[in-house]
Amino acid sequence: MFNKNIKLVLAGLLIAAAVWQFIEGSIGNGIMLILLAGIFIFLYFKNEIILLAFLRLRKQDFPGAKKWLDKIKNPEAALTKKQQGYYWYLHGLMVSQTNITQAEKFFKRAIKLGLAMDHDLAMAKLNLAGIAMTKRRKREATNLLTEAKKLDKHGMLNDQIRMMKQQMKKI
């Protein structure tokens, strides 16, 4: 994994080399270098390690996802702000199976840093609501559930929200 600034420097050097190739008359080489620079620019905005961790989570392979996330040693230096949000979101998802207090910290940190997609933010708030409900903080859980319902524009979490509201009536 390259640092985020190294990715931009490499993309800049590749674009400069592509311009040089265009001036020299090697159009094919220039186009190939621009496509290669595009890969580095894409990886600046979408971190490759986080993408691989998401693929592991899709297969329900929590140890594999943790292994990929552990390769990021210093998330503040290596990731952009949104990527840091997803880094802590993924850690929260994995830790929520074992330690809900630590998962709560990770989810709050992810929400504070920001998540790019509304359904990811809704899922983080839904998980926080479940943790708050487990800790008998009903008011906080209801606030988080209403925020999650507002963020869930496609209705993907309706069943989970409804189920949590029913469980909250028992508290």
N, C-alpha and C. Protein backbone atom coordinates (compact mmCIF):
# COMPACT_ATOMS: atom_id res chain seq x y z
N MET A 1 0.84 -1.17 0.00
CA MET A 1 0.00 0.00 0.00
C MET A 1 0.89 1.24 0.00
N PHE A 2 0.57 2.16 -0.88
CA PHE A 2 1.29 3.42 -0.96
C PHE A 2 0.59 4.46 -0.11
N ASN A 3 1.38 5.40 0.37
CA ASN A 3 0.81 6.55 1.06
C ASN A 3 -0.04 7.34 0.07
N LYS A 4 -1.05 8.05 0.58
CA LYS A 4 -1.95 8.78 -0.32
C LYS A 4 -1.22 9.83 -1.13
N ASN A 5 -0.19 10.46 -0.57
CA ASN A 5 0.56 11.49 -1.30
C ASN A 5 1.46 10.88 -2.36
N ILE A 6 1.99 9.71 -2.10
CA ILE A 6 2.83 9.03 -3.09
C ILE A 6 1.99 8.66 -4.31
N LYS A 7 0.74 8.29 -4.09
CA LYS A 7 -0.14 7.96 -5.22
C LYS A 7 -0.33 9.17 -6.13
N LEU A 8 -0.50 10.35 -5.54
CA LEU A 8 -0.67 11.56 -6.35
C LEU A 8 0.62 11.92 -7.09
N VAL A 9 1.76 11.76 -6.43
CA VAL A 9 3.04 12.05 -7.07
C VAL A 9 3.26 11.10 -8.25
N LEU A 10 2.98 9.81 -8.05
CA LEU A 10 3.12 8.85 -9.14
C LEU A 10 2.18 9.18 -10.30
N ALA A 11 0.96 9.56 -9.99
CA ALA A 11 0.01 9.93 -11.05
C ALA A 11 0.52 11.16 -11.81
N GLY A 12 1.05 12.14 -11.08
CA GLY A 12 1.60 13.33 -11.73
C GLY A 12 2.77 13.01 -12.63
N LEU A 13 3.67 12.14 -12.16
CA LEU A 13 4.83 11.74 -12.97
C LEU A 13 4.38 10.98 -14.22
N LEU A 14 3.38 10.12 -14.06
CA LEU A 14 2.88 9.36 -15.21
C LEU A 14 2.21 10.27 -16.23
N ILE A 15 1.50 11.27 -15.76
CA ILE A 15 0.86 12.22 -16.70
C ILE A 15 1.93 13.05 -17.41
N ALA A 16 2.99 13.45 -16.68
CA ALA A 16 4.08 14.18 -17.32
C ALA A 16 4.77 13.32 -18.37
N ALA A 17 4.98 12.04 -18.07
CA ALA A 17 5.58 11.13 -19.03
C ALA A 17 4.66 10.93 -20.24
N ALA A 18 3.34 10.91 -19.97
CA ALA A 18 2.38 10.75 -21.07
C ALA A 18 2.43 11.96 -22.00
N VAL A 19 2.52 13.16 -21.43
CA VAL A 19 2.62 14.37 -22.26
C VAL A 19 3.90 14.32 -23.09
N TRP A 20 4.98 13.88 -22.47
CA TRP A 20 6.25 13.75 -23.20
C TRP A 20 6.12 12.76 -24.35
N GLN A 21 5.42 11.65 -24.11
CA GLN A 21 5.21 10.66 -25.16
C GLN A 21 4.34 11.22 -26.28
N PHE A 22 3.35 12.04 -25.94
CA PHE A 22 2.53 12.67 -26.97
C PHE A 22 3.37 13.62 -27.82
N ILE A 23 4.25 14.37 -27.19
CA ILE A 23 5.11 15.31 -27.92
C ILE A 23 6.06 14.55 -28.84
N GLU A 24 6.57 13.43 -28.38
CA GLU A 24 7.49 12.61 -29.17
C GLU A 24 6.79 11.88 -30.32
N GLY A 25 5.47 11.80 -30.28
CA GLY A 25 4.73 11.16 -31.35
C GLY A 25 4.28 9.74 -31.03
N SER A 26 4.54 9.28 -29.82
CA SER A 26 4.10 7.93 -29.42
C SER A 26 2.75 8.03 -28.73
N ILE A 27 1.72 8.13 -29.53
CA ILE A 27 0.37 8.32 -29.01
C ILE A 27 -0.08 7.14 -28.17
N GLY A 28 0.21 5.93 -28.61
CA GLY A 28 -0.20 4.72 -27.88
C GLY A 28 0.42 4.65 -26.49
N ASN A 29 1.71 4.97 -26.41
CA ASN A 29 2.38 4.98 -25.10
C ASN A 29 1.77 6.05 -24.19
N GLY A 30 1.47 7.20 -24.75
CA GLY A 30 0.88 8.29 -23.96
C GLY A 30 -0.48 7.91 -23.41
N ILE A 31 -1.30 7.28 -24.23
CA ILE A 31 -2.62 6.85 -23.77
C ILE A 31 -2.49 5.81 -22.67
N MET A 32 -1.56 4.88 -22.84
CA MET A 32 -1.37 3.84 -21.82
C MET A 32 -0.90 4.46 -20.50
N LEU A 33 -0.01 5.44 -20.56
CA LEU A 33 0.46 6.10 -19.34
C LEU A 33 -0.65 6.89 -18.67
N ILE A 34 -1.54 7.49 -19.43
CA ILE A 34 -2.67 8.21 -18.84
C ILE A 34 -3.62 7.23 -18.16
N LEU A 35 -3.85 6.08 -18.77
CA LEU A 35 -4.70 5.07 -18.13
C LEU A 35 -4.06 4.56 -16.84
N LEU A 36 -2.75 4.38 -16.85
CA LEU A 36 -2.04 3.95 -15.65
C LEU A 36 -2.11 5.02 -14.56
N ALA A 37 -2.01 6.28 -14.95
CA ALA A 37 -2.15 7.38 -13.98
C ALA A 37 -3.57 7.41 -13.43
N GLY A 38 -4.55 7.07 -14.26
CA GLY A 38 -5.94 7.02 -13.79
C GLY A 38 -6.15 5.99 -12.70
N ILE A 39 -5.41 4.89 -12.78
CA ILE A 39 -5.50 3.86 -11.73
C ILE A 39 -5.02 4.43 -10.40
N PHE A 40 -3.90 5.17 -10.42
CA PHE A 40 -3.39 5.75 -9.17
C PHE A 40 -4.33 6.82 -8.63
N ILE A 41 -4.95 7.57 -9.51
CA ILE A 41 -5.92 8.59 -9.05
C ILE A 41 -7.14 7.91 -8.46
N PHE A 42 -7.61 6.83 -9.08
CA PHE A 42 -8.74 6.07 -8.53
C PHE A 42 -8.39 5.52 -7.15
N LEU A 43 -7.18 4.97 -7.00
CA LEU A 43 -6.77 4.40 -5.72
C LEU A 43 -6.53 5.47 -4.67
N TYR A 44 -6.35 6.73 -5.08
CA TYR A 44 -6.26 7.81 -4.10
C TYR A 44 -7.61 8.00 -3.42
N PHE A 45 -8.68 7.95 -4.22
CA PHE A 45 -10.01 8.17 -3.67
C PHE A 45 -10.63 6.91 -3.07
N LYS A 46 -10.30 5.75 -3.58
CA LYS A 46 -10.81 4.47 -3.07
C LYS A 46 -9.61 3.61 -2.69
N ASN A 47 -9.33 3.50 -1.42
CA ASN A 47 -8.16 2.78 -0.96
C ASN A 47 -8.29 1.30 -1.26
N GLU A 48 -7.21 0.72 -1.79
CA GLU A 48 -7.24 -0.68 -2.22
C GLU A 48 -7.38 -1.64 -1.05
N ILE A 49 -6.80 -1.32 0.09
CA ILE A 49 -6.88 -2.20 1.25
C ILE A 49 -8.32 -2.24 1.78
N ILE A 50 -8.97 -1.08 1.82
CA ILE A 50 -10.36 -1.02 2.30
C ILE A 50 -11.28 -1.75 1.32
N LEU A 51 -11.02 -1.63 0.02
CA LEU A 51 -11.82 -2.37 -0.96
C LEU A 51 -11.69 -3.87 -0.77
N LEU A 52 -10.45 -4.34 -0.51
CA LEU A 52 -10.24 -5.77 -0.30
C LEU A 52 -10.89 -6.23 1.01
N ALA A 53 -10.88 -5.37 2.04
CA ALA A 53 -11.54 -5.73 3.30
C ALA A 53 -13.05 -5.82 3.10
N PHE A 54 -13.63 -4.90 2.32
CA PHE A 54 -15.07 -4.98 2.02
C PHE A 54 -15.40 -6.27 1.28
N LEU A 55 -14.55 -6.69 0.35
CA LEU A 55 -14.79 -7.94 -0.36
C LEU A 55 -14.77 -9.13 0.59
N ARG A 56 -13.86 -9.11 1.55
CA ARG A 56 -13.81 -10.19 2.54
C ARG A 56 -15.06 -10.19 3.42
N LEU A 57 -15.53 -9.00 3.80
CA LEU A 57 -16.74 -8.93 4.62
C LEU A 57 -17.97 -9.42 3.86
N ARG A 58 -17.99 -9.20 2.56
CA ARG A 58 -19.11 -9.70 1.75
C ARG A 58 -19.21 -11.20 1.81
N LYS A 59 -18.06 -11.86 1.98
CA LYS A 59 -18.02 -13.32 2.08
C LYS A 59 -18.12 -13.78 3.53
N GLN A 60 -18.40 -12.87 4.45
CA GLN A 60 -18.51 -13.17 5.88
C GLN A 60 -17.19 -13.70 6.44
N ASP A 61 -16.08 -13.26 5.88
CA ASP A 61 -14.76 -13.69 6.33
C ASP A 61 -14.17 -12.58 7.22
N PHE A 62 -14.59 -12.56 8.49
CA PHE A 62 -14.15 -11.52 9.41
C PHE A 62 -12.65 -11.57 9.68
N PRO A 63 -12.06 -12.76 9.90
CA PRO A 63 -10.60 -12.78 10.12
C PRO A 63 -9.82 -12.29 8.89
N GLY A 64 -10.29 -12.62 7.71
CA GLY A 64 -9.62 -12.15 6.49
C GLY A 64 -9.71 -10.64 6.35
N ALA A 65 -10.87 -10.07 6.65
CA ALA A 65 -11.03 -8.61 6.59
C ALA A 65 -10.15 -7.93 7.62
N LYS A 66 -10.08 -8.51 8.81
CA LYS A 66 -9.22 -7.94 9.86
C LYS A 66 -7.76 -7.98 9.43
N LYS A 67 -7.37 -9.07 8.76
CA LYS A 67 -5.99 -9.19 8.29
C LYS A 67 -5.66 -8.08 7.29
N TRP A 68 -6.62 -7.77 6.40
CA TRP A 68 -6.39 -6.71 5.43
C TRP A 68 -6.33 -5.35 6.12
N LEU A 69 -7.24 -5.11 7.07
CA LEU A 69 -7.25 -3.81 7.75
C LEU A 69 -6.01 -3.61 8.62
N ASP A 70 -5.46 -4.70 9.13
CA ASP A 70 -4.25 -4.58 9.96
C ASP A 70 -3.04 -4.16 9.15
N LYS A 71 -3.12 -4.24 7.83
CA LYS A 71 -2.01 -3.80 6.99
C LYS A 71 -1.89 -2.28 6.96
N ILE A 72 -2.96 -1.59 7.36
CA ILE A 72 -2.91 -0.13 7.44
C ILE A 72 -2.38 0.22 8.83
N LYS A 73 -1.14 0.66 8.88
CA LYS A 73 -0.49 0.92 10.17
C LYS A 73 -0.91 2.27 10.75
N ASN A 74 -0.92 3.31 9.94
CA ASN A 74 -1.25 4.66 10.40
C ASN A 74 -2.36 5.23 9.52
N PRO A 75 -3.63 5.03 9.90
CA PRO A 75 -4.73 5.46 9.02
C PRO A 75 -4.79 6.97 8.79
N GLU A 76 -4.33 7.77 9.76
CA GLU A 76 -4.39 9.22 9.58
C GLU A 76 -3.47 9.68 8.46
N ALA A 77 -2.32 9.04 8.30
CA ALA A 77 -1.37 9.44 7.26
C ALA A 77 -1.66 8.77 5.93
N ALA A 78 -2.15 7.54 5.95
CA ALA A 78 -2.30 6.77 4.73
C ALA A 78 -3.65 6.97 4.04
N LEU A 79 -4.67 7.47 4.77
CA LEU A 79 -6.01 7.53 4.22
C LEU A 79 -6.55 8.95 4.22
N THR A 80 -7.47 9.22 3.28
CA THR A 80 -8.19 10.49 3.31
C THR A 80 -9.24 10.43 4.42
N LYS A 81 -9.91 11.54 4.66
CA LYS A 81 -10.86 11.61 5.78
C LYS A 81 -12.01 10.61 5.63
N LYS A 82 -12.60 10.53 4.45
CA LYS A 82 -13.70 9.58 4.22
C LYS A 82 -13.21 8.13 4.34
N GLN A 83 -11.99 7.86 3.86
CA GLN A 83 -11.45 6.52 3.96
C GLN A 83 -11.21 6.15 5.42
N GLN A 84 -10.80 7.13 6.23
CA GLN A 84 -10.64 6.87 7.65
C GLN A 84 -11.98 6.52 8.28
N GLY A 85 -13.05 7.18 7.84
CA GLY A 85 -14.39 6.85 8.33
C GLY A 85 -14.75 5.41 8.03
N TYR A 86 -14.47 4.96 6.81
CA TYR A 86 -14.76 3.57 6.46
C TYR A 86 -13.84 2.60 7.19
N TYR A 87 -12.61 3.01 7.44
CA TYR A 87 -11.67 2.18 8.19
C TYR A 87 -12.24 1.89 9.58
N TRP A 88 -12.70 2.94 10.27
CA TRP A 88 -13.24 2.75 11.62
C TRP A 88 -14.60 2.06 11.57
N TYR A 89 -15.37 2.29 10.52
CA TYR A 89 -16.67 1.61 10.34
C TYR A 89 -16.45 0.10 10.22
N LEU A 90 -15.48 -0.30 9.41
CA LEU A 90 -15.18 -1.73 9.25
C LEU A 90 -14.67 -2.33 10.56
N HIS A 91 -13.83 -1.60 11.27
CA HIS A 91 -13.37 -2.09 12.57
C HIS A 91 -14.55 -2.25 13.52
N GLY A 92 -15.47 -1.30 13.50
CA GLY A 92 -16.65 -1.39 14.35
C GLY A 92 -17.50 -2.60 14.02
N LEU A 93 -17.67 -2.89 12.73
CA LEU A 93 -18.44 -4.06 12.33
C LEU A 93 -17.81 -5.35 12.83
N MET A 94 -16.49 -5.41 12.75
CA MET A 94 -15.82 -6.65 13.17
C MET A 94 -15.78 -6.79 14.68
N VAL A 95 -15.58 -5.70 15.39
CA VAL A 95 -15.47 -5.76 16.84
C VAL A 95 -16.85 -5.90 17.49
N SER A 96 -17.91 -5.50 16.78
CA SER A 96 -19.25 -5.58 17.37
C SER A 96 -19.65 -7.01 17.72
N GLN A 97 -18.99 -7.97 17.13
CA GLN A 97 -19.27 -9.37 17.46
C GLN A 97 -18.78 -9.75 18.85
N THR A 98 -17.74 -9.06 19.33
CA THR A 98 -17.11 -9.47 20.59
C THR A 98 -17.15 -8.40 21.68
N ASN A 99 -16.91 -7.13 21.33
CA ASN A 99 -16.76 -6.08 22.33
C ASN A 99 -17.59 -4.87 21.92
N ILE A 100 -18.79 -4.73 22.49
CA ILE A 100 -19.68 -3.65 22.03
C ILE A 100 -19.22 -2.27 22.50
N THR A 101 -18.50 -2.18 23.61
CA THR A 101 -18.03 -0.87 24.07
C THR A 101 -17.00 -0.31 23.10
N GLN A 102 -16.09 -1.15 22.65
CA GLN A 102 -15.10 -0.71 21.69
C GLN A 102 -15.75 -0.45 20.33
N ALA A 103 -16.72 -1.27 19.96
CA ALA A 103 -17.42 -1.07 18.70
C ALA A 103 -18.15 0.27 18.69
N GLU A 104 -18.71 0.65 19.84
CA GLU A 104 -19.40 1.93 19.93
C GLU A 104 -18.44 3.08 19.66
N LYS A 105 -17.24 3.00 20.20
CA LYS A 105 -16.23 4.03 19.96
C LYS A 105 -15.86 4.10 18.48
N PHE A 106 -15.71 2.93 17.86
CA PHE A 106 -15.34 2.90 16.44
C PHE A 106 -16.45 3.48 15.56
N PHE A 107 -17.72 3.12 15.85
CA PHE A 107 -18.83 3.64 15.06
C PHE A 107 -18.97 5.16 15.23
N LYS A 108 -18.82 5.65 16.45
CA LYS A 108 -18.90 7.09 16.67
C LYS A 108 -17.79 7.83 15.94
N ARG A 109 -16.61 7.23 15.94
CA ARG A 109 -15.48 7.85 15.23
C ARG A 109 -15.74 7.85 13.73
N ALA A 110 -16.31 6.77 13.21
CA ALA A 110 -16.62 6.69 11.78
C ALA A 110 -17.66 7.73 11.39
N ILE A 111 -18.68 7.91 12.21
CA ILE A 111 -19.72 8.89 11.92
C ILE A 111 -19.14 10.30 11.98
N LYS A 112 -18.25 10.53 12.93
CA LYS A 112 -17.63 11.85 13.07
C LYS A 112 -16.76 12.18 11.84
N LEU A 113 -16.02 11.19 11.34
CA LEU A 113 -15.17 11.41 10.18
C LEU A 113 -15.98 11.49 8.89
N GLY A 114 -17.12 10.81 8.88
CA GLY A 114 -18.00 10.87 7.73
C GLY A 114 -17.91 9.63 6.85
N LEU A 115 -19.05 9.19 6.39
CA LEU A 115 -19.15 8.08 5.45
C LEU A 115 -19.80 8.62 4.18
N ALA A 116 -19.32 8.19 3.04
CA ALA A 116 -19.75 8.77 1.77
C ALA A 116 -21.19 8.42 1.41
N MET A 117 -21.63 7.23 1.73
CA MET A 117 -22.96 6.79 1.31
C MET A 117 -23.93 6.82 2.48
N ASP A 118 -25.15 7.25 2.19
CA ASP A 118 -26.17 7.37 3.23
C ASP A 118 -26.51 6.04 3.87
N HIS A 119 -26.57 4.96 3.07
CA HIS A 119 -26.95 3.68 3.67
C HIS A 119 -25.85 3.15 4.60
N ASP A 120 -24.59 3.50 4.34
CA ASP A 120 -23.52 3.12 5.28
C ASP A 120 -23.66 3.89 6.58
N LEU A 121 -23.98 5.17 6.46
CA LEU A 121 -24.19 6.00 7.66
C LEU A 121 -25.42 5.50 8.43
N ALA A 122 -26.47 5.11 7.72
CA ALA A 122 -27.66 4.57 8.37
C ALA A 122 -27.34 3.27 9.09
N MET A 123 -26.53 2.43 8.48
CA MET A 123 -26.15 1.16 9.11
C MET A 123 -25.31 1.40 10.36
N ALA A 124 -24.41 2.38 10.31
CA ALA A 124 -23.59 2.69 11.49
C ALA A 124 -24.48 3.21 12.62
N LYS A 125 -25.46 4.05 12.28
CA LYS A 125 -26.36 4.57 13.31
C LYS A 125 -27.28 3.48 13.85
N LEU A 126 -27.66 2.55 12.98
CA LEU A 126 -28.48 1.43 13.43
C LEU A 126 -27.69 0.54 14.41
N ASN A 127 -26.43 0.31 14.10
CA ASN A 127 -25.58 -0.46 15.02
C ASN A 127 -25.40 0.28 16.34
N LEU A 128 -25.21 1.59 16.27
CA LEU A 128 -25.09 2.38 17.51
C LEU A 128 -26.38 2.33 18.31
N ALA A 129 -27.53 2.33 17.63
CA ALA A 129 -28.81 2.23 18.33
C ALA A 129 -28.93 0.89 19.04
N GLY A 130 -28.48 -0.17 18.38
CA GLY A 130 -28.50 -1.49 19.01
C GLY A 130 -27.60 -1.55 20.24
N ILE A 131 -26.45 -0.91 20.15
CA ILE A 131 -25.54 -0.87 21.30
C ILE A 131 -26.14 -0.06 22.43
N ALA A 132 -26.75 1.09 22.09
CA ALA A 132 -27.39 1.92 23.12
C ALA A 132 -28.55 1.17 23.77
N MET A 133 -29.29 0.41 22.97
CA MET A 133 -30.41 -0.36 23.52
C MET A 133 -29.89 -1.46 24.46
N THR A 134 -28.77 -2.05 24.11
CA THR A 134 -28.17 -3.08 24.96
C THR A 134 -27.73 -2.49 26.29
N LYS A 135 -27.29 -1.24 26.25
CA LYS A 135 -26.83 -0.57 27.47
C LYS A 135 -27.95 0.18 28.18
N ARG A 136 -29.20 -0.06 27.77
CA ARG A 136 -30.40 0.52 28.39
C ARG A 136 -30.45 2.05 28.29
N ARG A 137 -30.01 2.59 27.16
CA ARG A 137 -30.12 4.02 26.90
C ARG A 137 -31.18 4.20 25.81
N LYS A 138 -32.44 4.18 26.26
CA LYS A 138 -33.58 4.13 25.33
C LYS A 138 -33.71 5.42 24.51
N ARG A 139 -33.54 6.57 25.14
CA ARG A 139 -33.70 7.84 24.42
C ARG A 139 -32.67 7.97 23.30
N GLU A 140 -31.43 7.63 23.59
CA GLU A 140 -30.38 7.70 22.57
C GLU A 140 -30.67 6.71 21.44
N ALA A 141 -31.14 5.53 21.81
CA ALA A 141 -31.45 4.52 20.79
C ALA A 141 -32.59 4.97 19.88
N THR A 142 -33.63 5.59 20.43
CA THR A 142 -34.73 6.07 19.58
C THR A 142 -34.27 7.19 18.66
N ASN A 143 -33.42 8.10 19.16
CA ASN A 143 -32.90 9.17 18.31
C ASN A 143 -32.07 8.60 17.16
N LEU A 144 -31.23 7.63 17.47
CA LEU A 144 -30.40 7.03 16.43
C LEU A 144 -31.24 6.25 15.43
N LEU A 145 -32.30 5.60 15.90
CA LEU A 145 -33.18 4.88 14.98
C LEU A 145 -33.91 5.82 14.03
N THR A 146 -34.38 6.95 14.53
CA THR A 146 -35.05 7.90 13.64
C THR A 146 -34.07 8.49 12.63
N GLU A 147 -32.83 8.76 13.06
CA GLU A 147 -31.82 9.25 12.12
C GLU A 147 -31.51 8.19 11.06
N ALA A 148 -31.42 6.94 11.48
CA ALA A 148 -31.16 5.85 10.53
C ALA A 148 -32.31 5.70 9.54
N LYS A 149 -33.53 5.87 10.02
CA LYS A 149 -34.70 5.76 9.14
C LYS A 149 -34.70 6.88 8.10
N LYS A 150 -34.30 8.10 8.52
CA LYS A 150 -34.22 9.22 7.57
C LYS A 150 -33.15 8.97 6.51
N LEU A 151 -32.03 8.39 6.92
CA LEU A 151 -30.93 8.16 5.99
C LEU A 151 -31.18 6.99 5.05
N ASP A 152 -32.03 6.06 5.44
CA ASP A 152 -32.32 4.88 4.63
C ASP A 152 -33.39 5.22 3.60
N LYS A 153 -32.96 5.79 2.48
CA LYS A 153 -33.89 6.28 1.47
C LYS A 153 -34.50 5.15 0.63
N HIS A 154 -33.80 4.05 0.50
CA HIS A 154 -34.29 2.94 -0.33
C HIS A 154 -35.03 1.88 0.46
N GLY A 155 -35.13 2.04 1.77
CA GLY A 155 -35.88 1.10 2.59
C GLY A 155 -35.19 -0.23 2.79
N MET A 156 -33.87 -0.25 2.69
CA MET A 156 -33.14 -1.51 2.84
C MET A 156 -33.08 -1.97 4.30
N LEU A 157 -33.20 -1.04 5.23
CA LEU A 157 -33.08 -1.37 6.65
C LEU A 157 -34.43 -1.33 7.38
N ASN A 158 -35.53 -1.28 6.64
CA ASN A 158 -36.84 -1.17 7.28
C ASN A 158 -37.13 -2.32 8.24
N ASP A 159 -36.80 -3.53 7.84
CA ASP A 159 -37.07 -4.69 8.70
C ASP A 159 -36.27 -4.63 9.99
N GLN A 160 -34.98 -4.25 9.88
CA GLN A 160 -34.15 -4.18 11.07
C GLN A 160 -34.61 -3.06 12.00
N ILE A 161 -35.02 -1.94 11.42
CA ILE A 161 -35.49 -0.81 12.24
C ILE A 161 -36.78 -1.19 12.95
N ARG A 162 -37.69 -1.84 12.22
CA ARG A 162 -38.96 -2.26 12.82
C ARG A 162 -38.72 -3.26 13.95
N MET A 163 -37.81 -4.20 13.73
CA MET A 163 -37.51 -5.20 14.74
C MET A 163 -36.89 -4.56 15.99
N MET A 164 -36.02 -3.57 15.79
CA MET A 164 -35.41 -2.90 16.94
C MET A 164 -36.44 -2.09 17.72
N LYS A 165 -37.40 -1.48 17.02
CA LYS A 165 -38.45 -0.72 17.72
C LYS A 165 -39.32 -1.65 18.56
N GLN A 166 -39.58 -2.85 18.03
CA GLN A 166 -40.36 -3.81 18.80
C GLN A 166 -39.59 -4.28 20.04
N GLN A 167 -38.30 -4.47 19.89
CA GLN A 167 -37.49 -4.88 21.04
C GLN A 167 -37.37 -3.76 22.07
N MET A 168 -37.42 -2.51 21.59
CA MET A 168 -37.31 -1.38 22.50
C MET A 168 -38.56 -1.24 23.38
N LYS A 169 -39.70 -1.70 22.87
CA LYS A 169 -40.92 -1.63 23.69
C LYS A 169 -40.81 -2.52 24.91
N LYS A 170 -39.98 -3.55 24.85
CA LYS A 170 -39.82 -4.47 25.97
C LYS A 170 -38.94 -3.88 27.08
N ILE A 171 -38.17 -2.85 26.73
CA ILE A 171 -37.25 -2.26 27.73
C ILE A 171 -38.01 -1.34 28.65
